[in-house]
N, C-alpha and C. Protein backbone atom coordinates (compact mmCIF):
# COMPACT_ATOMS: atom_id res chain seq x y z
N MET A 1 124.40 99.77 133.20
CA MET A 1 123.03 99.66 133.72
C MET A 1 122.89 98.40 134.57
N ASP A 2 122.29 98.55 135.74
CA ASP A 2 122.05 97.41 136.63
C ASP A 2 120.72 96.77 136.23
N THR A 3 120.82 95.60 135.61
CA THR A 3 119.60 94.93 135.14
C THR A 3 119.07 93.92 136.16
N ARG A 4 119.65 93.88 137.36
CA ARG A 4 119.24 92.87 138.34
C ARG A 4 117.80 93.06 138.80
N LYS A 5 117.33 94.32 138.80
CA LYS A 5 115.96 94.57 139.24
C LYS A 5 114.94 94.42 138.10
N ILE A 6 115.43 94.20 136.88
CA ILE A 6 114.55 94.14 135.71
C ILE A 6 113.88 92.77 135.63
N LYS A 7 112.54 92.80 135.47
CA LYS A 7 111.77 91.57 135.36
C LYS A 7 111.06 91.43 134.02
N ASN A 8 110.99 92.52 133.24
CA ASN A 8 110.31 92.51 131.95
C ASN A 8 111.10 93.35 130.95
N LEU A 9 110.98 92.99 129.68
CA LEU A 9 111.63 93.74 128.61
C LEU A 9 110.58 94.17 127.58
N ILE A 10 110.70 95.42 127.13
CA ILE A 10 109.86 95.92 126.04
C ILE A 10 110.78 96.45 124.95
N PHE A 11 110.64 95.91 123.75
CA PHE A 11 111.46 96.31 122.62
C PHE A 11 110.65 97.13 121.63
N ASP A 12 111.29 98.16 121.09
CA ASP A 12 110.80 98.85 119.90
C ASP A 12 111.13 97.98 118.69
N PHE A 13 110.49 98.27 117.57
CA PHE A 13 110.69 97.51 116.33
C PHE A 13 111.68 98.21 115.41
N GLY A 14 111.27 99.34 114.83
CA GLY A 14 112.11 100.04 113.87
C GLY A 14 113.36 100.63 114.49
N GLY A 15 114.52 100.30 113.94
CA GLY A 15 115.78 100.83 114.43
C GLY A 15 116.40 100.02 115.54
N VAL A 16 115.59 99.36 116.35
CA VAL A 16 116.10 98.51 117.43
C VAL A 16 116.20 97.06 116.97
N LEU A 17 115.15 96.57 116.31
CA LEU A 17 115.17 95.22 115.76
C LEU A 17 115.40 95.25 114.25
N VAL A 18 114.53 95.93 113.53
CA VAL A 18 114.65 95.96 112.07
C VAL A 18 115.51 97.16 111.66
N SER A 19 116.44 96.92 110.74
CA SER A 19 117.25 98.00 110.20
C SER A 19 116.45 98.78 109.17
N LEU A 20 116.74 100.10 109.08
CA LEU A 20 115.96 100.99 108.22
C LEU A 20 116.84 101.63 107.17
N ASP A 21 116.24 101.95 106.01
CA ASP A 21 116.95 102.66 104.95
C ASP A 21 115.98 103.68 104.35
N LYS A 22 115.95 104.86 104.94
CA LYS A 22 115.04 105.91 104.49
C LYS A 22 115.35 106.34 103.06
N ALA A 23 116.63 106.43 102.73
CA ALA A 23 117.02 106.96 101.42
C ALA A 23 116.48 106.11 100.28
N ARG A 24 116.62 104.80 100.37
CA ARG A 24 116.16 103.98 99.25
C ARG A 24 114.63 103.97 99.16
N CYS A 25 113.96 104.14 100.30
CA CYS A 25 112.50 104.26 100.29
C CYS A 25 112.08 105.54 99.56
N LEU A 26 112.73 106.65 99.87
CA LEU A 26 112.39 107.92 99.22
C LEU A 26 112.71 107.88 97.73
N GLU A 27 113.80 107.22 97.37
CA GLU A 27 114.15 107.09 95.95
C GLU A 27 113.08 106.31 95.21
N ALA A 28 112.57 105.27 95.84
CA ALA A 28 111.52 104.46 95.21
C ALA A 28 110.23 105.25 95.06
N PHE A 29 109.88 106.03 96.08
CA PHE A 29 108.70 106.87 95.96
C PHE A 29 108.88 107.94 94.88
N ALA A 30 110.08 108.49 94.79
CA ALA A 30 110.32 109.50 93.75
C ALA A 30 110.13 108.90 92.36
N ARG A 31 110.52 107.64 92.20
CA ARG A 31 110.38 107.00 90.88
C ARG A 31 108.93 106.84 90.47
N ILE A 32 108.01 106.75 91.45
CA ILE A 32 106.60 106.64 91.06
C ILE A 32 105.90 108.00 91.16
N GLY A 33 106.69 109.06 91.35
CA GLY A 33 106.13 110.40 91.31
C GLY A 33 105.68 110.96 92.64
N PHE A 34 106.15 110.37 93.73
CA PHE A 34 105.72 110.83 95.05
C PHE A 34 106.90 111.42 95.81
N SER A 35 107.49 112.47 95.26
CA SER A 35 108.64 113.10 95.90
C SER A 35 108.25 113.79 97.21
N GLU A 36 106.95 114.10 97.37
CA GLU A 36 106.49 114.74 98.61
C GLU A 36 106.69 113.85 99.84
N ALA A 37 106.91 112.57 99.61
CA ALA A 37 107.11 111.64 100.73
C ALA A 37 108.30 112.04 101.58
N ALA A 38 109.26 112.75 101.00
CA ALA A 38 110.47 113.13 101.74
C ALA A 38 110.15 113.98 102.97
N GLY A 39 109.09 114.75 102.90
CA GLY A 39 108.73 115.60 104.02
C GLY A 39 107.83 114.92 105.04
N MET A 40 107.49 113.66 104.80
CA MET A 40 106.54 112.96 105.67
C MET A 40 107.13 111.76 106.39
N ILE A 41 108.27 111.24 105.90
CA ILE A 41 108.84 110.01 106.43
C ILE A 41 110.02 110.33 107.32
N ASP A 42 110.05 109.70 108.48
CA ASP A 42 111.11 109.90 109.44
C ASP A 42 111.45 108.56 110.09
N ALA A 43 112.65 108.44 110.60
CA ALA A 43 113.05 107.18 111.25
C ALA A 43 112.28 106.94 112.54
N TYR A 44 111.73 108.00 113.15
CA TYR A 44 111.10 107.86 114.46
C TYR A 44 109.58 108.03 114.44
N SER A 45 109.07 108.88 113.56
CA SER A 45 107.63 109.08 113.49
C SER A 45 107.27 109.55 112.09
N GLN A 46 106.02 109.31 111.69
CA GLN A 46 105.59 109.65 110.35
C GLN A 46 104.58 110.80 110.38
N GLN A 47 104.54 111.53 109.28
CA GLN A 47 103.65 112.67 109.16
C GLN A 47 102.66 112.45 108.02
N GLY A 48 101.66 113.32 107.96
CA GLY A 48 100.72 113.28 106.86
C GLY A 48 100.01 111.94 106.75
N VAL A 49 99.84 111.48 105.54
CA VAL A 49 99.11 110.23 105.31
C VAL A 49 99.87 109.04 105.89
N PHE A 50 101.20 109.15 105.99
CA PHE A 50 101.98 108.08 106.61
C PHE A 50 101.69 107.99 108.11
N GLY A 51 101.54 109.16 108.75
CA GLY A 51 101.17 109.17 110.16
C GLY A 51 99.78 108.61 110.38
N GLN A 52 98.87 108.90 109.47
CA GLN A 52 97.51 108.36 109.57
C GLN A 52 97.52 106.84 109.43
N LEU A 53 98.36 106.33 108.54
CA LEU A 53 98.48 104.88 108.36
C LEU A 53 99.04 104.24 109.62
N GLU A 54 100.03 104.88 110.22
CA GLU A 54 100.67 104.35 111.43
C GLU A 54 99.70 104.34 112.61
N ALA A 55 98.81 105.31 112.66
CA ALA A 55 97.84 105.39 113.75
C ALA A 55 96.59 104.56 113.48
N GLY A 56 96.53 103.91 112.33
CA GLY A 56 95.35 103.13 111.98
C GLY A 56 94.15 104.00 111.64
N ALA A 57 94.40 105.27 111.28
CA ALA A 57 93.30 106.18 110.95
C ALA A 57 92.82 106.02 109.51
N VAL A 58 93.66 105.42 108.67
CA VAL A 58 93.25 105.09 107.30
C VAL A 58 93.65 103.64 107.03
N SER A 59 92.91 102.99 106.16
CA SER A 59 93.23 101.62 105.78
C SER A 59 94.35 101.65 104.74
N PRO A 60 95.02 100.52 104.51
CA PRO A 60 96.02 100.49 103.45
C PRO A 60 95.47 100.90 102.09
N GLN A 61 94.23 100.52 101.80
CA GLN A 61 93.64 100.89 100.52
C GLN A 61 93.39 102.40 100.45
N GLU A 62 92.93 102.98 101.55
CA GLU A 62 92.73 104.43 101.59
C GLU A 62 94.06 105.17 101.47
N PHE A 63 95.10 104.61 102.07
CA PHE A 63 96.43 105.18 101.96
C PHE A 63 96.86 105.26 100.50
N CYS A 64 96.72 104.17 99.78
CA CYS A 64 97.14 104.14 98.37
C CYS A 64 96.33 105.14 97.55
N ALA A 65 95.05 105.21 97.81
CA ALA A 65 94.20 106.16 97.08
C ALA A 65 94.64 107.59 97.35
N GLU A 66 95.04 107.89 98.59
CA GLU A 66 95.48 109.24 98.94
C GLU A 66 96.82 109.56 98.29
N VAL A 67 97.71 108.58 98.21
CA VAL A 67 98.98 108.79 97.52
C VAL A 67 98.73 109.16 96.06
N ARG A 68 97.83 108.43 95.42
CA ARG A 68 97.53 108.75 94.01
C ARG A 68 96.88 110.12 93.89
N ARG A 69 96.02 110.48 94.84
CA ARG A 69 95.38 111.80 94.80
C ARG A 69 96.40 112.91 94.99
N LEU A 70 97.33 112.72 95.92
CA LEU A 70 98.33 113.75 96.21
C LEU A 70 99.29 113.96 95.05
N THR A 71 99.59 112.90 94.34
CA THR A 71 100.64 112.97 93.32
C THR A 71 100.11 113.05 91.90
N GLY A 72 98.89 112.59 91.69
CA GLY A 72 98.38 112.51 90.34
C GLY A 72 98.94 111.33 89.57
N CYS A 73 99.74 110.50 90.25
CA CYS A 73 100.30 109.32 89.57
C CYS A 73 99.27 108.21 89.52
N GLN A 74 99.53 107.22 88.70
CA GLN A 74 98.62 106.10 88.56
C GLN A 74 99.26 104.80 89.07
N ALA A 75 100.17 104.93 90.02
CA ALA A 75 100.87 103.75 90.54
C ALA A 75 99.87 102.79 91.17
N SER A 76 100.11 101.51 90.98
CA SER A 76 99.26 100.49 91.58
C SER A 76 99.50 100.40 93.08
N ASP A 77 98.57 99.77 93.77
CA ASP A 77 98.77 99.52 95.20
C ASP A 77 100.07 98.75 95.41
N GLU A 78 100.32 97.77 94.55
CA GLU A 78 101.51 96.94 94.71
C GLU A 78 102.79 97.76 94.57
N ALA A 79 102.81 98.71 93.62
CA ALA A 79 104.00 99.55 93.44
C ALA A 79 104.21 100.47 94.64
N ILE A 80 103.12 100.96 95.19
CA ILE A 80 103.23 101.83 96.37
C ILE A 80 103.75 101.04 97.56
N TRP A 81 103.23 99.82 97.76
CA TRP A 81 103.71 99.00 98.88
C TRP A 81 105.16 98.60 98.70
N GLU A 82 105.55 98.33 97.47
CA GLU A 82 106.95 97.95 97.21
C GLU A 82 107.88 99.09 97.61
N ALA A 83 107.51 100.31 97.25
CA ALA A 83 108.32 101.47 97.62
C ALA A 83 108.35 101.67 99.13
N TRP A 84 107.21 101.56 99.76
CA TRP A 84 107.10 101.78 101.20
C TRP A 84 107.88 100.73 101.97
N ASN A 85 107.80 99.48 101.55
CA ASN A 85 108.49 98.41 102.27
C ASN A 85 110.00 98.45 102.11
N LEU A 86 110.49 99.22 101.15
CA LEU A 86 111.93 99.37 101.02
C LEU A 86 112.54 100.15 102.18
N PHE A 87 111.69 100.76 103.01
CA PHE A 87 112.17 101.42 104.23
C PHE A 87 112.79 100.39 105.18
N LEU A 88 112.27 99.16 105.15
CA LEU A 88 112.73 98.10 106.04
C LEU A 88 113.79 97.26 105.35
N VAL A 89 114.93 97.10 105.99
CA VAL A 89 116.04 96.34 105.41
C VAL A 89 115.99 94.88 105.83
N GLY A 90 115.76 94.64 107.11
CA GLY A 90 115.74 93.28 107.62
C GLY A 90 116.14 93.26 109.09
N ILE A 91 116.04 92.09 109.70
CA ILE A 91 116.42 91.91 111.10
C ILE A 91 117.61 90.97 111.14
N PRO A 92 118.75 91.43 111.65
CA PRO A 92 119.92 90.55 111.72
C PRO A 92 119.62 89.29 112.54
N THR A 93 120.18 88.19 112.11
CA THR A 93 119.93 86.91 112.77
C THR A 93 120.30 86.97 114.25
N TRP A 94 121.37 87.69 114.59
CA TRP A 94 121.80 87.71 115.99
C TRP A 94 120.73 88.31 116.90
N LYS A 95 119.92 89.23 116.37
CA LYS A 95 118.87 89.83 117.18
C LYS A 95 117.74 88.82 117.43
N LEU A 96 117.38 88.06 116.42
CA LEU A 96 116.35 87.04 116.60
C LEU A 96 116.80 85.99 117.62
N GLU A 97 118.04 85.58 117.50
CA GLU A 97 118.56 84.58 118.44
C GLU A 97 118.64 85.14 119.85
N ALA A 98 118.99 86.42 119.96
CA ALA A 98 119.05 87.05 121.28
C ALA A 98 117.67 87.12 121.92
N LEU A 99 116.65 87.44 121.14
CA LEU A 99 115.29 87.49 121.69
C LEU A 99 114.86 86.14 122.23
N VAL A 100 115.17 85.09 121.50
CA VAL A 100 114.80 83.74 121.96
C VAL A 100 115.52 83.41 123.26
N GLU A 101 116.79 83.76 123.36
CA GLU A 101 117.54 83.51 124.59
C GLU A 101 117.00 84.34 125.75
N LEU A 102 116.71 85.60 125.50
CA LEU A 102 116.21 86.47 126.56
C LEU A 102 114.84 86.03 127.06
N ARG A 103 114.06 85.46 126.17
CA ARG A 103 112.71 85.05 126.58
C ARG A 103 112.74 83.88 127.56
N LYS A 104 113.88 83.23 127.66
CA LYS A 104 114.04 82.19 128.68
C LYS A 104 114.13 82.79 130.08
N HIS A 105 114.44 84.10 130.14
CA HIS A 105 114.68 84.76 131.42
C HIS A 105 113.67 85.86 131.75
N TYR A 106 113.02 86.41 130.73
CA TYR A 106 112.10 87.54 130.92
C TYR A 106 110.87 87.36 130.04
N PRO A 107 109.72 87.89 130.48
CA PRO A 107 108.65 88.15 129.51
C PRO A 107 109.13 89.26 128.57
N ILE A 108 108.87 89.11 127.29
CA ILE A 108 109.31 90.09 126.31
C ILE A 108 108.10 90.61 125.54
N TYR A 109 108.02 91.93 125.43
CA TYR A 109 106.93 92.57 124.72
C TYR A 109 107.49 93.45 123.61
N LEU A 110 106.73 93.57 122.55
CA LEU A 110 107.07 94.48 121.46
C LEU A 110 106.09 95.65 121.49
N LEU A 111 106.63 96.87 121.42
CA LEU A 111 105.80 98.07 121.39
C LEU A 111 106.28 98.94 120.24
N SER A 112 105.47 99.04 119.20
CA SER A 112 105.96 99.66 117.97
C SER A 112 104.96 100.64 117.37
N ASN A 113 105.49 101.77 116.93
CA ASN A 113 104.77 102.61 115.98
C ASN A 113 105.02 102.01 114.60
N THR A 114 104.03 101.35 114.06
CA THR A 114 104.21 100.75 112.74
C THR A 114 102.86 100.73 112.04
N ASN A 115 102.85 100.19 110.86
CA ASN A 115 101.64 100.17 110.03
C ASN A 115 101.46 98.77 109.47
N GLU A 116 100.26 98.51 108.99
CA GLU A 116 99.94 97.15 108.56
C GLU A 116 100.84 96.63 107.45
N PRO A 117 101.11 97.40 106.38
CA PRO A 117 101.99 96.86 105.33
C PRO A 117 103.39 96.51 105.84
N HIS A 118 103.98 97.40 106.65
CA HIS A 118 105.31 97.11 107.18
C HIS A 118 105.30 95.88 108.09
N TRP A 119 104.28 95.81 108.94
CA TRP A 119 104.25 94.69 109.88
C TRP A 119 104.05 93.37 109.17
N GLN A 120 103.15 93.32 108.23
CA GLN A 120 102.91 92.08 107.50
C GLN A 120 104.14 91.67 106.69
N HIS A 121 104.83 92.65 106.13
CA HIS A 121 106.06 92.36 105.39
C HIS A 121 107.12 91.76 106.32
N ALA A 122 107.25 92.32 107.51
CA ALA A 122 108.23 91.81 108.47
C ALA A 122 107.87 90.42 108.96
N VAL A 123 106.59 90.20 109.23
CA VAL A 123 106.14 88.89 109.69
C VAL A 123 106.43 87.82 108.64
N GLU A 124 106.25 88.17 107.38
CA GLU A 124 106.45 87.20 106.31
C GLU A 124 107.92 86.99 105.96
N HIS A 125 108.71 88.08 105.98
CA HIS A 125 110.06 87.99 105.43
C HIS A 125 111.19 88.08 106.46
N PHE A 126 110.98 88.75 107.59
CA PHE A 126 112.09 89.04 108.49
C PHE A 126 112.11 88.19 109.76
N PHE A 127 110.95 87.91 110.33
CA PHE A 127 110.92 87.17 111.59
C PHE A 127 111.14 85.66 111.43
N PRO A 128 110.73 85.03 110.35
CA PRO A 128 111.00 83.59 110.23
C PRO A 128 112.50 83.29 110.24
N HIS A 129 112.88 82.36 111.09
CA HIS A 129 114.29 81.95 111.21
C HIS A 129 114.30 80.51 111.68
N GLY A 130 114.66 79.60 110.79
CA GLY A 130 114.54 78.19 111.12
C GLY A 130 113.07 77.86 111.38
N GLU A 131 112.80 77.30 112.54
CA GLU A 131 111.43 76.97 112.90
C GLU A 131 110.74 78.12 113.64
N TRP A 132 111.44 79.18 113.92
CA TRP A 132 110.86 80.29 114.68
C TRP A 132 110.01 81.19 113.80
N ARG A 133 108.94 81.69 114.37
CA ARG A 133 108.09 82.68 113.74
C ARG A 133 107.88 83.82 114.73
N VAL A 134 107.18 84.85 114.34
CA VAL A 134 107.09 86.05 115.16
C VAL A 134 106.58 85.76 116.56
N GLU A 135 105.66 84.82 116.71
CA GLU A 135 105.08 84.52 118.01
C GLU A 135 106.08 83.85 118.95
N ASP A 136 107.21 83.40 118.42
CA ASP A 136 108.22 82.76 119.26
C ASP A 136 109.13 83.76 119.98
N TYR A 137 109.06 85.03 119.60
CA TYR A 137 109.96 86.03 120.17
C TYR A 137 109.33 86.87 121.27
N PHE A 138 108.00 86.96 121.29
CA PHE A 138 107.33 87.92 122.17
C PHE A 138 106.16 87.27 122.91
N ASP A 139 105.95 87.72 124.15
CA ASP A 139 104.78 87.30 124.91
C ASP A 139 103.54 88.06 124.47
N ARG A 140 103.71 89.32 124.14
CA ARG A 140 102.61 90.14 123.60
C ARG A 140 103.19 91.15 122.62
N ILE A 141 102.38 91.54 121.66
CA ILE A 141 102.79 92.51 120.64
C ILE A 141 101.79 93.66 120.64
N PHE A 142 102.30 94.88 120.76
CA PHE A 142 101.47 96.08 120.78
C PHE A 142 101.86 96.97 119.61
N LEU A 143 100.93 97.17 118.67
CA LEU A 143 101.21 97.90 117.43
C LEU A 143 100.31 99.12 117.33
N SER A 144 100.89 100.23 116.96
CA SER A 144 100.15 101.50 116.94
C SER A 144 98.93 101.45 116.03
N TYR A 145 99.06 100.83 114.86
CA TYR A 145 97.95 100.86 113.92
C TYR A 145 96.76 100.05 114.40
N GLU A 146 97.03 99.04 115.24
CA GLU A 146 95.93 98.25 115.81
C GLU A 146 95.31 98.94 117.02
N LEU A 147 96.14 99.62 117.81
CA LEU A 147 95.66 100.26 119.04
C LEU A 147 95.11 101.65 118.80
N HIS A 148 95.43 102.25 117.65
CA HIS A 148 95.08 103.66 117.37
C HIS A 148 95.69 104.57 118.43
N GLN A 149 96.87 104.21 118.87
CA GLN A 149 97.66 105.00 119.82
C GLN A 149 99.11 104.96 119.34
N VAL A 150 99.82 106.07 119.49
CA VAL A 150 101.20 106.12 119.00
C VAL A 150 102.12 106.70 120.07
N LYS A 151 103.36 106.22 120.06
CA LYS A 151 104.40 106.84 120.86
C LYS A 151 104.76 108.18 120.21
N PRO A 152 105.18 109.19 120.95
CA PRO A 152 105.48 109.19 122.38
C PRO A 152 104.29 109.50 123.30
N GLY A 153 103.08 109.38 122.80
CA GLY A 153 101.93 109.58 123.68
C GLY A 153 101.94 108.58 124.83
N ALA A 154 101.47 109.02 125.98
CA ALA A 154 101.50 108.16 127.16
C ALA A 154 100.44 107.05 127.11
N ASP A 155 99.39 107.25 126.34
CA ASP A 155 98.28 106.28 126.34
C ASP A 155 98.74 104.89 125.92
N ILE A 156 99.62 104.81 124.94
CA ILE A 156 100.03 103.50 124.45
C ILE A 156 100.84 102.75 125.51
N PHE A 157 101.61 103.49 126.31
CA PHE A 157 102.35 102.87 127.41
C PHE A 157 101.38 102.40 128.50
N ARG A 158 100.37 103.20 128.76
CA ARG A 158 99.38 102.80 129.77
C ARG A 158 98.62 101.56 129.32
N THR A 159 98.38 101.44 128.02
CA THR A 159 97.74 100.24 127.50
C THR A 159 98.59 99.01 127.79
N VAL A 160 99.89 99.12 127.57
CA VAL A 160 100.79 98.00 127.86
C VAL A 160 100.73 97.63 129.34
N ILE A 161 100.77 98.63 130.21
CA ILE A 161 100.71 98.37 131.65
C ILE A 161 99.42 97.67 132.02
N GLU A 162 98.31 98.19 131.51
CA GLU A 162 96.99 97.63 131.85
C GLU A 162 96.82 96.21 131.35
N GLN A 163 97.33 95.93 130.16
CA GLN A 163 97.09 94.62 129.54
C GLN A 163 98.10 93.55 129.94
N THR A 164 99.24 93.96 130.48
CA THR A 164 100.26 92.99 130.87
C THR A 164 100.46 92.91 132.37
N GLY A 165 100.12 93.99 133.07
CA GLY A 165 100.36 94.02 134.50
C GLY A 165 101.80 94.29 134.89
N VAL A 166 102.64 94.71 133.94
CA VAL A 166 104.04 94.97 134.28
C VAL A 166 104.13 96.16 135.23
N VAL A 167 105.12 96.12 136.09
CA VAL A 167 105.45 97.24 136.96
C VAL A 167 106.51 98.06 136.24
N PRO A 168 106.25 99.32 135.90
CA PRO A 168 107.22 100.09 135.12
C PRO A 168 108.63 100.09 135.70
N GLU A 169 108.73 100.22 137.03
CA GLU A 169 110.05 100.28 137.65
C GLU A 169 110.83 98.97 137.51
N GLU A 170 110.15 97.90 137.16
CA GLU A 170 110.78 96.60 136.97
C GLU A 170 110.88 96.22 135.50
N THR A 171 110.69 97.21 134.62
CA THR A 171 110.59 96.95 133.18
C THR A 171 111.56 97.83 132.42
N LEU A 172 112.36 97.22 131.55
CA LEU A 172 113.30 97.95 130.71
C LEU A 172 112.70 98.14 129.32
N PHE A 173 112.60 99.40 128.90
CA PHE A 173 112.07 99.77 127.60
C PHE A 173 113.23 100.18 126.71
N ILE A 174 113.39 99.50 125.57
CA ILE A 174 114.51 99.75 124.66
C ILE A 174 113.97 100.35 123.38
N ASP A 175 114.32 101.61 123.13
CA ASP A 175 113.76 102.35 121.99
C ASP A 175 114.82 103.34 121.53
N ASP A 176 114.92 103.55 120.20
CA ASP A 176 115.96 104.43 119.68
C ASP A 176 115.54 105.90 119.60
N ALA A 177 114.32 106.23 120.01
CA ALA A 177 113.84 107.62 119.96
C ALA A 177 113.81 108.21 121.37
N GLU A 178 114.49 109.33 121.56
CA GLU A 178 114.54 109.95 122.88
C GLU A 178 113.16 110.37 123.36
N ALA A 179 112.32 110.86 122.45
CA ALA A 179 110.98 111.28 122.87
C ALA A 179 110.20 110.13 123.47
N ASN A 180 110.33 108.95 122.87
CA ASN A 180 109.63 107.77 123.40
C ASN A 180 110.19 107.35 124.74
N CYS A 181 111.51 107.40 124.87
CA CYS A 181 112.14 107.05 126.14
C CYS A 181 111.75 108.05 127.23
N ALA A 182 111.64 109.32 126.86
CA ALA A 182 111.28 110.33 127.85
C ALA A 182 109.89 110.08 128.42
N THR A 183 108.94 109.75 127.56
CA THR A 183 107.59 109.43 128.04
C THR A 183 107.63 108.20 128.94
N ALA A 184 108.36 107.18 128.52
CA ALA A 184 108.46 105.96 129.32
C ALA A 184 109.04 106.26 130.70
N ARG A 185 110.09 107.07 130.75
CA ARG A 185 110.69 107.41 132.05
C ARG A 185 109.71 108.17 132.92
N SER A 186 108.89 109.03 132.31
CA SER A 186 107.93 109.80 133.10
C SER A 186 106.89 108.90 133.76
N LEU A 187 106.72 107.70 133.21
CA LEU A 187 105.77 106.74 133.77
C LEU A 187 106.45 105.72 134.69
N GLY A 188 107.76 105.87 134.86
CA GLY A 188 108.48 105.01 135.79
C GLY A 188 109.32 103.92 135.16
N PHE A 189 109.27 103.76 133.83
CA PHE A 189 110.04 102.71 133.18
C PHE A 189 111.54 103.03 133.22
N CYS A 190 112.35 101.98 133.27
CA CYS A 190 113.76 102.10 132.98
C CYS A 190 113.89 102.12 131.45
N THR A 191 114.82 102.88 130.92
CA THR A 191 114.93 102.99 129.47
C THR A 191 116.38 102.84 129.02
N TYR A 192 116.52 102.43 127.77
CA TYR A 192 117.82 102.42 127.12
C TYR A 192 117.61 102.81 125.66
N GLN A 193 118.42 103.76 125.19
CA GLN A 193 118.31 104.27 123.83
C GLN A 193 119.55 103.85 123.04
N PRO A 194 119.47 102.77 122.27
CA PRO A 194 120.64 102.31 121.52
C PRO A 194 120.91 103.20 120.31
N LEU A 195 122.17 103.25 119.93
CA LEU A 195 122.56 103.93 118.71
C LEU A 195 122.22 103.04 117.51
N PRO A 196 122.18 103.60 116.30
CA PRO A 196 121.90 102.76 115.12
C PRO A 196 122.88 101.59 115.03
N ASP A 197 122.35 100.40 114.82
CA ASP A 197 123.14 99.18 114.65
C ASP A 197 123.94 98.79 115.89
N GLU A 198 123.62 99.37 117.03
CA GLU A 198 124.33 99.01 118.27
C GLU A 198 123.99 97.58 118.70
N ASP A 199 124.97 96.90 119.24
CA ASP A 199 124.77 95.57 119.77
C ASP A 199 124.30 95.70 121.21
N TRP A 200 122.98 95.66 121.40
CA TRP A 200 122.42 95.87 122.74
C TRP A 200 122.49 94.62 123.62
N ARG A 201 123.08 93.54 123.10
CA ARG A 201 123.24 92.34 123.93
C ARG A 201 124.13 92.59 125.14
N LYS A 202 124.97 93.61 125.05
CA LYS A 202 125.88 93.92 126.16
C LYS A 202 125.12 94.27 127.43
N LEU A 203 123.86 94.66 127.30
CA LEU A 203 123.06 95.00 128.48
C LEU A 203 122.79 93.79 129.37
N PHE A 204 122.90 92.60 128.81
CA PHE A 204 122.41 91.42 129.50
C PHE A 204 123.51 90.45 129.92
N GLY A 205 124.74 90.95 129.93
CA GLY A 205 125.84 90.18 130.48
C GLY A 205 125.94 88.79 129.89
N GLY A 206 126.05 87.79 130.76
CA GLY A 206 126.25 86.42 130.32
C GLY A 206 124.98 85.68 129.95
N LEU A 207 123.83 86.37 129.93
CA LEU A 207 122.58 85.68 129.58
C LEU A 207 122.53 85.29 128.11
N ILE A 208 123.34 85.97 127.29
CA ILE A 208 123.32 85.72 125.84
C ILE A 208 124.70 85.36 125.37
N ASN A 209 124.79 84.31 124.57
CA ASN A 209 126.04 83.97 123.90
C ASN A 209 126.20 84.88 122.69
N ARG A 210 127.14 85.83 122.76
CA ARG A 210 127.22 86.86 121.73
C ARG A 210 127.86 86.35 120.45
N GLY A 211 128.76 85.40 120.53
CA GLY A 211 129.32 84.77 119.33
C GLY A 211 129.61 85.75 118.20
N ASP A 212 129.46 85.27 116.97
CA ASP A 212 129.64 86.11 115.79
C ASP A 212 128.32 86.75 115.41
N ARG A 213 128.38 87.98 114.98
CA ARG A 213 127.19 88.65 114.50
C ARG A 213 126.92 88.25 113.07
């Protein structure tokens, strides 16, 4: 990929920055009696009450109440969040360091389909690295639950364009879901779809010291 024309970077969160473990999340939900979660949780998009949480259509408290209603279990909010947050494994240090290096050369934006519990968990546990915090990696952060817009819908991409002024043809969008990349390309963005755990630093040549992972 010729990145010489690229002036802005947009990163996805799940799968591109944070590693995911769907199996252990489903196992945790099964332990509290919510085996139905298996049909609602996906690495790329969520269904049912999980999709509503991601779109900001229900509050975290309403989400927990709906889980108890669906299952008949009496799990506490804390137990439900513990199971849900097990979907997120962590962000490798090399990715955090790469973002800091890249931000010296590009404006960097985050565009994520995510939900409040996952995001707050990541902000508290995954993004801190030395003196760095989440605000040190990105110029702007766009989250589906706050915007009430979700990928692969075009509206969330248009929101990014309107609020940042980026020119799509000069912007590289990095996302692990083909549907999201397809929408981005239809709007003029350059896209890259990394494989799970792929080292995407190779896209940026000598701008990043790749060192040891």
